PDB file of N, CA and C in Angstrom:
ATOM      1  N   MET A   1     113.806  50.621 132.074  1.00  0.00           N
ATOM      2  CA  MET A   1     112.920  51.373 132.643  1.00  0.00           C
ATOM      3  C   MET A   1     113.810  52.018 134.186  1.00  0.00           C
ATOM      4  N   GLN A   2     114.420  51.286 134.299  1.00  0.00           N
ATOM      5  CA  GLN A   2     115.239  51.502 135.696  1.00  0.00           C
ATOM      6  C   GLN A   2     115.847  52.957 135.530  1.00  0.00           C
ATOM      7  N   SER A   3     116.636  52.978 134.451  1.00  0.00           N
ATOM      8  CA  SER A   3     117.251  54.554 134.071  1.00  0.00           C
ATOM      9  C   SER A   3     116.266  55.253 134.134  1.00  0.00           C
ATOM     10  N   VAL A   4     115.144  55.296 133.351  1.00  0.00           N
ATOM     11  CA  VAL A   4     114.132  56.452 133.451  1.00  0.00           C
ATOM     12  C   VAL A   4     113.410  56.652 134.812  1.00  0.00           C
ATOM     13  N   ALA A   5     113.421  55.775 135.587  1.00  0.00           N
ATOM     14  CA  ALA A   5     112.755  56.013 137.158  1.00  0.00           C
ATOM     15  C   ALA A   5     113.940  56.750 137.823  1.00  0.00           C
ATOM     16  N   SER A   6     115.463  56.443 137.485  1.00  0.00           N
ATOM     17  CA  SER A   6     116.387  56.761 138.695  1.00  0.00           C
ATOM     18  C   SER A   6     116.609  58.152 138.084  1.00  0.00           C
ATOM     19  N   GLU A   7     116.369  58.648 136.991  1.00  0.00           N
ATOM     20  CA  GLU A   7     116.560  60.156 136.407  1.00  0.00           C
ATOM     21  C   GLU A   7     115.339  60.714 137.353  1.00  0.00           C
ATOM     22  N   ALA A   8     114.237  60.118 137.330  1.00  0.00           N
ATOM     23  CA  ALA A   8     112.914  61.098 137.855  1.00  0.00           C
ATOM     24  C   ALA A   8     112.997  60.823 139.553  1.00  0.00           C
ATOM     25  N   GLY A   9     113.874  60.511 139.709  1.00  0.00           N
ATOM     26  CA  GLY A   9     114.189  60.052 141.297  1.00  0.00           C
ATOM     27  C   GLY A   9     113.121  59.173 141.824  1.00  0.00           C
ATOM     28  N   LEU A  10     112.463  58.129 141.444  1.00  0.00           N
ATOM     29  CA  LEU A  10     111.565  57.280 141.964  1.00  0.00           C
ATOM     30  C   LEU A  10     112.164  55.933 141.762  1.00  0.00           C
ATOM     31  N   SER A  11     111.171  54.956 142.431  1.00  0.00           N
ATOM     32  CA  SER A  11     111.466  53.594 142.216  1.00  0.00           C
ATOM     33  C   SER A  11     110.765  53.298 140.835  1.00  0.00           C
ATOM     34  N   VAL A  12     111.185  52.139 140.157  1.00  0.00           N
ATOM     35  CA  VAL A  12     110.408  51.757 139.025  1.00  0.00           C
ATOM     36  C   VAL A  12     109.000  51.448 139.268  1.00  0.00           C
ATOM     37  N   HIS A  13     108.631  50.956 140.291  1.00  0.00           N
ATOM     38  CA  HIS A  13     107.187  50.630 140.554  1.00  0.00           C
ATOM     39  C   HIS A  13     106.247  52.004 140.830  1.00  0.00           C
ATOM     40  N   HIS A  14     107.087  52.938 141.614  1.00  0.00           N
ATOM     41  CA  HIS A  14     106.190  54.210 141.700  1.00  0.00           C
ATOM     42  C   HIS A  14     106.212  54.866 140.185  1.00  0.00           C
ATOM     43  N   PHE A  15     107.161  55.015 139.646  1.00  0.00           N
ATOM     44  CA  PHE A  15     107.243  55.597 138.591  1.00  0.00           C
ATOM     45  C   PHE A  15     106.355  55.069 137.360  1.00  0.00           C
ATOM     46  N   GLU A  16     106.311  53.747 137.354  1.00  0.00           N
ATOM     47  CA  GLU A  16     105.006  53.138 136.481  1.00  0.00           C
ATOM     48  C   GLU A  16     103.705  53.410 136.740  1.00  0.00           C
ATOM     49  N   ARG A  17     103.576  53.296 138.127  1.00  0.00           N
ATOM     50  CA  ARG A  17     102.165  53.776 138.704  1.00  0.00           C
ATOM     51  C   ARG A  17     101.674  55.299 138.407  1.00  0.00           C
ATOM     52  N   ILE A  18     102.982  56.005 138.332  1.00  0.00           N
ATOM     53  CA  ILE A  18     102.507  57.292 138.217  1.00  0.00           C
ATOM     54  C   ILE A  18     102.279  57.770 136.861  1.00  0.00           C
ATOM     55  N   PHE A  19     103.131  57.033 135.828  1.00  0.00           N
ATOM     56  CA  PHE A  19     102.905  57.161 134.732  1.00  0.00           C
ATOM     57  C   PHE A  19     101.602  56.665 134.380  1.00  0.00           C
ATOM     58  N   LYS A  20     101.363  55.502 134.562  1.00  0.00           N
ATOM     59  CA  LYS A  20      99.786  54.721 133.805  1.00  0.00           C
ATOM     60  C   LYS A  20      98.932  55.705 134.629  1.00  0.00           C
ATOM     61  N   ARG A  21      98.963  56.323 135.791  1.00  0.00           N
ATOM     62  CA  ARG A  21      97.840  57.457 135.828  1.00  0.00           C
ATOM     63  C   ARG A  21      97.594  58.627 135.096  1.00  0.00           C
ATOM     64  N   GLN A  22      98.639  59.050 134.583  1.00  0.00           N
ATOM     65  CA  GLN A  22      99.028  60.160 133.820  1.00  0.00           C
ATOM     66  C   GLN A  22      98.646  59.866 132.125  1.00  0.00           C
ATOM     67  N   MET A  23      99.150  58.937 131.834  1.00  0.00           N
ATOM     68  CA  MET A  23      99.068  58.381 130.565  1.00  0.00           C
ATOM     69  C   MET A  23      97.853  57.333 129.822  1.00  0.00           C
ATOM     70  N   GLY A  24      97.350  56.655 131.135  1.00  0.00           N
ATOM     71  CA  GLY A  24      96.482  55.962 130.794  1.00  0.00           C
ATOM     72  C   GLY A  24      96.969  54.497 130.436  1.00  0.00           C
ATOM     73  N   MET A  25      97.989  54.283 130.120  1.00  0.00           N
ATOM     74  CA  MET A  25      98.967  52.864 129.894  1.00  0.00           C
ATOM     75  C   MET A  25     100.064  52.808 130.598  1.00  0.00           C
ATOM     76  N   ALA A  26     100.736  51.380 130.787  1.00  0.00           N
ATOM     77  CA  ALA A  26     102.037  51.120 131.233  1.00  0.00           C
ATOM     78  C   ALA A  26     102.957  51.969 130.231  1.00  0.00           C
ATOM     79  N   PRO A  27     104.451  52.308 130.631  1.00  0.00           N
ATOM     80  CA  PRO A  27     105.291  52.968 130.194  1.00  0.00           C
ATOM     81  C   PRO A  27     105.667  51.779 128.831  1.00  0.00           C
ATOM     82  N   MET A  28     105.699  50.826 129.004  1.00  0.00           N
ATOM     83  CA  MET A  28     106.289  50.100 128.105  1.00  0.00           C
ATOM     84  C   MET A  28     105.183  49.814 126.775  1.00  0.00           C
ATOM     85  N   LYS A  29     103.866  49.941 127.430  1.00  0.00           N
ATOM     86  CA  LYS A  29     102.939  49.942 126.317  1.00  0.00           C
ATOM     87  C   LYS A  29     102.715  50.982 125.406  1.00  0.00           C
ATOM     88  N   TYR A  30     103.260  52.216 125.980  1.00  0.00           N
ATOM     89  CA  TYR A  30     103.296  53.614 125.809  1.00  0.00           C
ATOM     90  C   TYR A  30     104.337  53.786 124.668  1.00  0.00           C
ATOM     91  N   LEU A  31     105.348  53.313 124.826  1.00  0.00           N
ATOM     92  CA  LEU A  31     106.631  53.077 123.825  1.00  0.00           C
ATOM     93  C   LEU A  31     106.467  52.393 122.739  1.00  0.00           C
ATOM     94  N   GLN A  32     105.552  51.079 123.073  1.00  0.00           N
ATOM     95  CA  GLN A  32     105.306  50.486 121.894  1.00  0.00           C
ATOM     96  C   GLN A  32     104.478  51.308 120.965  1.00  0.00           C
ATOM     97  N   SER A  33     103.454  51.846 121.636  1.00  0.00           N
ATOM     98  CA  SER A  33     102.574  52.658 120.744  1.00  0.00           C
ATOM     99  C   SER A  33     103.353  53.711 119.939  1.00  0.00           C
ATOM    100  N   VAL A  34     104.137  54.369 120.494  1.00  0.00           N
ATOM    101  CA  VAL A  34     104.937  55.436 119.974  1.00  0.00           C
ATOM    102  C   VAL A  34     105.476  54.956 118.699  1.00  0.00           C
ATOM    103  N   ARG A  35     106.314  53.401 119.063  1.00  0.00           N
ATOM    104  CA  ARG A  35     107.107  52.992 117.868  1.00  0.00           C
ATOM    105  C   ARG A  35     106.339  52.629 116.631  1.00  0.00           C
ATOM    106  N   ILE A  36     105.177  52.051 116.863  1.00  0.00           N
ATOM    107  CA  ILE A  36     104.062  51.566 116.046  1.00  0.00           C
ATOM    108  C   ILE A  36     103.618  52.670 115.162  1.00  0.00           C
ATOM    109  N   PHE A  37     103.353  53.706 115.936  1.00  0.00           N
ATOM    110  CA  PHE A  37     102.950  55.087 115.095  1.00  0.00           C
ATOM    111  C   PHE A  37     104.020  55.747 114.187  1.00  0.00           C
ATOM    112  N   GLN A  38     105.070  55.469 114.603  1.00  0.00           N
ATOM    113  CA  GLN A  38     106.239  55.935 113.786  1.00  0.00           C
ATOM    114  C   GLN A  38     106.499  54.998 112.706  1.00  0.00           C
ATOM    115  N   SER A  39     106.725  53.819 113.238  1.00  0.00           N
ATOM    116  CA  SER A  39     106.653  52.895 111.843  1.00  0.00           C
ATOM    117  C   SER A  39     105.616  53.028 110.986  1.00  0.00           C
ATOM    118  N   GLN A  40     104.551  53.215 111.224  1.00  0.00           N
ATOM    119  CA  GLN A  40     103.397  53.816 110.106  1.00  0.00           C
ATOM    120  C   GLN A  40     103.656  54.925 109.330  1.00  0.00           C
ATOM    121  N   ARG A  41     104.283  55.915 110.048  1.00  0.00           N
ATOM    122  CA  ARG A  41     104.562  57.025 108.996  1.00  0.00           C
ATOM    123  C   ARG A  41     105.882  56.673 108.386  1.00  0.00           C
ATOM    124  N   LEU A  42     106.718  55.815 108.481  1.00  0.00           N
ATOM    125  CA  LEU A  42     107.959  55.326 107.733  1.00  0.00           C
ATOM    126  C   LEU A  42     107.511  54.293 106.756  1.00  0.00           C
ATOM    127  N   LEU A  43     106.717  53.568 107.043  1.00  0.00           N
ATOM    128  CA  LEU A  43     105.973  52.877 105.799  1.00  0.00           C
ATOM    129  C   LEU A  43     105.446  53.251 104.595  1.00  0.00           C
ATOM    130  N   THR A  44     104.688  54.331 105.417  1.00  0.00           N
ATOM    131  CA  THR A  44     104.239  55.011 104.174  1.00  0.00           C
ATOM    132  C   THR A  44     104.961  56.219 103.523  1.00  0.00           C
ATOM    133  N   GLY A  45     105.652  56.374 104.364  1.00  0.00           N
ATOM    134  CA  GLY A  45     106.506  57.947 103.589  1.00  0.00           C
ATOM    135  C   GLY A  45     108.001  57.763 103.507  1.00  0.00           C
ATOM    136  N   SER A  46     108.526  56.553 103.404  1.00  0.00           N
ATOM    137  CA  SER A  46     109.795  56.318 102.807  1.00  0.00           C
ATOM    138  C   SER A  46     109.789  55.070 102.012  1.00  0.00           C
ATOM    139  N   ASP A  47     111.125  54.875 101.512  1.00  0.00           N
ATOM    140  CA  ASP A  47     111.147  53.443 100.776  1.00  0.00           C
ATOM    141  C   ASP A  47     112.275  52.278 101.706  1.00  0.00           C
ATOM    142  N   LEU A  48     112.123  52.673 102.996  1.00  0.00           N
ATOM    143  CA  LEU A  48     112.761  51.551 103.666  1.00  0.00           C
ATOM    144  C   LEU A  48     112.278  50.443 103.597  1.00  0.00           C
ATOM    145  N   ARG A  49     113.096  49.343 103.772  1.00  0.00           N
ATOM    146  CA  ARG A  49     112.662  47.976 103.957  1.00  0.00           C
ATOM    147  C   ARG A  49     112.048  47.889 105.252  1.00  0.00           C
ATOM    148  N   VAL A  50     111.053  46.967 105.607  1.00  0.00           N
ATOM    149  CA  VAL A  50     110.546  46.544 106.849  1.00  0.00           C
ATOM    150  C   VAL A  50     111.624  46.336 107.856  1.00  0.00           C
ATOM    151  N   LYS A  51     112.605  45.741 107.694  1.00  0.00           N
ATOM    152  CA  LYS A  51     113.708  45.345 108.559  1.00  0.00           C
ATOM    153  C   LYS A  51     114.379  46.818 108.754  1.00  0.00           C
ATOM    154  N   GLU A  52     114.386  47.700 108.239  1.00  0.00           N
ATOM    155  CA  GLU A  52     114.958  48.924 108.269  1.00  0.00           C
ATOM    156  C   GLU A  52     114.290  49.712 109.096  1.00  0.00           C
ATOM    157  N   VAL A  53     112.837  49.775 108.719  1.00  0.00           N
ATOM    158  CA  VAL A  53     111.817  50.414 109.786  1.00  0.00           C
ATOM    159  C   VAL A  53     111.913  50.067 110.938  1.00  0.00           C
ATOM    160  N   ALA A  54     111.956  48.474 111.288  1.00  0.00           N
ATOM    161  CA  ALA A  54     112.110  47.647 112.662  1.00  0.00           C
ATOM    162  C   ALA A  54     113.377  48.695 113.455  1.00  0.00           C
ATOM    163  N   GLN A  55     114.205  48.732 112.765  1.00  0.00           N
ATOM    164  CA  GLN A  55     115.457  49.281 113.552  1.00  0.00           C
ATOM    165  C   GLN A  55     115.369  50.504 113.740  1.00  0.00           C
ATOM    166  N   GLU A  56     115.034  51.321 113.004  1.00  0.00           N
ATOM    167  CA  GLU A  56     114.607  52.810 113.062  1.00  0.00           C
ATOM    168  C   GLU A  56     113.980  53.009 114.118  1.00  0.00           C
ATOM    169  N   VAL A  57     112.915  52.627 114.504  1.00  0.00           N
ATOM    170  CA  VAL A  57     112.244  52.550 115.754  1.00  0.00           C
ATOM    171  C   VAL A  57     112.143  51.958 116.805  1.00  0.00           C
ATOM    172  N   GLY A  58     113.386  51.000 116.799  1.00  0.00           N
ATOM    173  CA  GLY A  58     113.728  50.655 117.956  1.00  0.00           C
ATOM    174  C   GLY A  58     113.746  49.309 118.271  1.00  0.00           C
ATOM    175  N   PHE A  59     113.232  48.078 117.256  1.00  0.00           N
ATOM    176  CA  PHE A  59     113.191  47.064 117.203  1.00  0.00           C
ATOM    177  C   PHE A  59     114.558  46.269 116.976  1.00  0.00           C
ATOM    178  N   ALA A  60     115.150  45.293 117.585  1.00  0.00           N
ATOM    179  CA  ALA A  60     116.335  44.730 117.283  1.00  0.00           C
ATOM    180  C   ALA A  60     116.072  43.616 116.063  1.00  0.00           C
ATOM    181  N   ASP A  61     114.684  43.019 116.242  1.00  0.00           N
ATOM    182  CA  ASP A  61     114.554  41.919 115.570  1.00  0.00           C
ATOM    183  C   ASP A  61     113.226  42.065 114.427  1.00  0.00           C
ATOM    184  N   SER A  62     113.416  41.997 113.316  1.00  0.00           N
ATOM    185  CA  SER A  62     112.187  42.623 112.315  1.00  0.00           C
ATOM    186  C   SER A  62     111.113  41.422 112.542  1.00  0.00           C
ATOM    187  N   LEU A  63     111.116  40.245 112.967  1.00  0.00           N
ATOM    188  CA  LEU A  63     110.148  39.132 113.031  1.00  0.00           C
ATOM    189  C   LEU A  63     109.556  39.968 114.155  1.00  0.00           C
ATOM    190  N   HIS A  64     110.174  40.081 115.200  1.00  0.00           N
ATOM    191  CA  HIS A  64     109.122  40.495 116.475  1.00  0.00           C
ATOM    192  C   HIS A  64     108.477  41.897 116.040  1.00  0.00           C
ATOM    193  N   PHE A  65     109.168  42.576 115.387  1.00  0.00           N
ATOM    194  CA  PHE A  65     108.529  43.736 115.188  1.00  0.00           C
ATOM    195  C   PHE A  65     107.154  43.655 114.156  1.00  0.00           C
ATOM    196  N   SER A  66     107.082  42.516 113.230  1.00  0.00           N
ATOM    197  CA  SER A  66     105.962  42.409 112.137  1.00  0.00           C
ATOM    198  C   SER A  66     105.108  41.605 113.194  1.00  0.00           C
ATOM    199  N   ARG A  67     105.512  40.928 114.357  1.00  0.00           N
ATOM    200  CA  ARG A  67     104.352  40.070 115.169  1.00  0.00           C
ATOM    201  C   ARG A  67     103.697  41.407 115.866  1.00  0.00           C
ATOM    202  N   VAL A  68     104.182  41.997 116.722  1.00  0.00           N
ATOM    203  CA  VAL A  68     103.960  43.452 117.174  1.00  0.00           C
ATOM    204  C   VAL A  68     103.065  44.254 116.453  1.00  0.00           C
ATOM    205  N   PHE A  69     103.801  44.647 115.195  1.00  0.00           N
ATOM    206  CA  PHE A  69     102.797  45.568 114.369  1.00  0.00           C
ATOM    207  C   PHE A  69     101.388  45.014 113.788  1.00  0.00           C
ATOM    208  N   ARG A  70     101.649  43.735 113.658  1.00  0.00           N
ATOM    209  CA  ARG A  70     100.180  43.106 113.209  1.00  0.00           C
ATOM    210  C   ARG A  70      99.225  42.775 114.669  1.00  0.00           C
ATOM    211  N   ASN A  71      99.819  42.736 115.503  1.00  0.00           N
ATOM    212  CA  ASN A  71      98.887  42.492 116.760  1.00  0.00           C
ATOM    213  C   ASN A  71      98.091  44.108 117.173  1.00  0.00           C
ATOM    214  N   ALA A  72      99.066  45.050 116.928  1.00  0.00           N
ATOM    215  CA  ALA A  72      98.586  46.419 116.878  1.00  0.00           C
ATOM    216  C   ALA A  72      97.465  46.806 115.875  1.00  0.00           C
ATOM    217  N   ILE A  73      97.885  46.619 114.833  1.00  0.00           N
ATOM    218  CA  ILE A  73      97.320  47.271 113.603  1.00  0.00           C
ATOM    219  C   ILE A  73      96.320  46.194 113.069  1.00  0.00           C
ATOM    220  N   GLY A  74      96.736  45.012 112.926  1.00  0.00           N
ATOM    221  CA  GLY A  74      95.781  44.051 112.393  1.00  0.00           C
ATOM    222  C   GLY A  74      96.128  43.513 111.155  1.00  0.00           C
ATOM    223  N   ILE A  75      97.214  43.825 110.449  1.00  0.00           N
ATOM    224  CA  ILE A  75      97.914  43.498 109.343  1.00  0.00           C
ATOM    225  C   ILE A  75      99.290  43.623 109.434  1.00  0.00           C
ATOM    226  N   SER A  76     100.190  42.773 108.431  1.00  0.00           N
ATOM    227  CA  SER A  76     101.599  43.122 108.660  1.00  0.00           C
ATOM    228  C   SER A  76     101.974  44.313 107.932  1.00  0.00           C
ATOM    229  N   PRO A  77     103.325  44.829 108.226  1.00  0.00           N
ATOM    230  CA  PRO A  77     103.713  45.931 107.739  1.00  0.00           C
ATOM    231  C   PRO A  77     103.744  46.190 106.309  1.00  0.00           C
ATOM    232  N   GLN A  78     103.842  44.975 105.771  1.00  0.00           N
ATOM    233  CA  GLN A  78     104.089  44.784 104.399  1.00  0.00           C
ATOM    234  C   GLN A  78     102.773  45.134 103.767  1.00  0.00           C
ATOM    235  N   GLN A  79     101.463  44.433 104.238  1.00  0.00           N
ATOM    236  CA  GLN A  79     100.299  44.633 103.822  1.00  0.00           C
ATOM    237  C   GLN A  79      99.699  46.211 104.144  1.00  0.00           C
ATOM    238  N   TYR A  80     100.083  46.565 105.229  1.00  0.00           N
ATOM    239  CA  TYR A  80     100.054  47.757 105.767  1.00  0.00           C
ATOM    240  C   TYR A  80     100.657  49.035 104.493  1.00  0.00           C
ATOM    241  N   ARG A  81     101.619  48.840 104.243  1.00  0.00           N
ATOM    242  CA  ARG A  81     102.227  49.863 102.977  1.00  0.00           C
ATOM    243  C   ARG A  81     101.412  49.591 101.713  1.00  0.00           C
ATOM    244  N   LYS A  82     101.039  48.169 101.286  1.00  0.00           N
ATOM    245  CA  LYS A  82     100.617  48.294 100.067  1.00  0.00           C
ATOM    246  C   LYS A  82      98.987  48.804 100.222  1.00  0.00           C
ATOM    247  N   SER A  83      98.536  48.689 101.026  1.00  0.00           N
ATOM    248  CA  SER A  83      96.985  49.158 101.303  1.00  0.00           C
ATOM    249  C   SER A  83      97.273  50.735 101.417  1.00  0.00           C
ATOM    250  N   ALA A  84      98.397  51.367 102.050  1.00  0.00           N
ATOM    251  CA  ALA A  84      98.565  52.747 101.777  1.00  0.00           C
ATOM    252  C   ALA A  84      98.661  53.448 100.468  1.00  0.00           C
ATOM    253  N   GLU A  85      99.585  52.568  99.957  1.00  0.00           N
ATOM    254  CA  GLU A  85      99.871  52.726  98.405  1.00  0.00           C
ATOM    255  C   GLU A  85      98.541  52.622  97.760  1.00  0.00           C
ATOM    256  N   ARG A  86      97.551  51.859  97.889  1.00  0.00           N
ATOM    257  CA  ARG A  86      96.414  51.668  96.984  1.00  0.00           C
ATOM    258  C   ARG A  86      95.586  52.839  97.220  1.00  0.00           C
ATOM    259  N   HIS A  87      95.385  53.203  98.669  1.00  0.00           N
ATOM    260  CA  HIS A  87      94.525  54.529  98.901  1.00  0.00           C
ATOM    261  C   HIS A  87      95.192  55.765  98.316  1.00  0.00           C
ATOM    262  N   ALA A  88      96.569  55.895  98.290  1.00  0.00           N
ATOM    263  CA  ALA A  88      97.016  57.089  97.667  1.00  0.00           C
ATOM    264  C   ALA A  88      96.823  57.292  96.135  1.00  0.00           C
ATOM    265  N   GLN A  89      96.746  55.970  95.605  1.00  0.00           N
ATOM    266  CA  GLN A  89      96.538  56.011  94.240  1.00  0.00           C
ATOM    267  C   GLN A  89      95.014  56.242  93.719  1.00  0.00           C
ATOM    268  N   SER A  90      93.985  56.161  94.896  1.00  0.00           N
ATOM    269  CA  SER A  90      92.690  56.451  94.443  1.00  0.00           C
ATOM    270  C   SER A  90      92.203  57.949  94.526  1.00  0.00           C
TER     271      SER A  90
END
């Protein structure tokens, strides 16, 4: 976060405050939501393994990715992919 704030010429605290006011959420929460959205697209539109999807969207650890995904979506990445495949077949 420091590098982004520096690029904007702001302190980290001030950058986070402005970002939250404009976007309605903290920068890290926003980044996480973008990563989860992109992972949903990759899970349904590619044959990448979950570990590869995690790496592609910026998670170094696939177990952490799976926990974050489950907390955000309510089901595991594998379950999400299977559910999307079932809906596509109907």
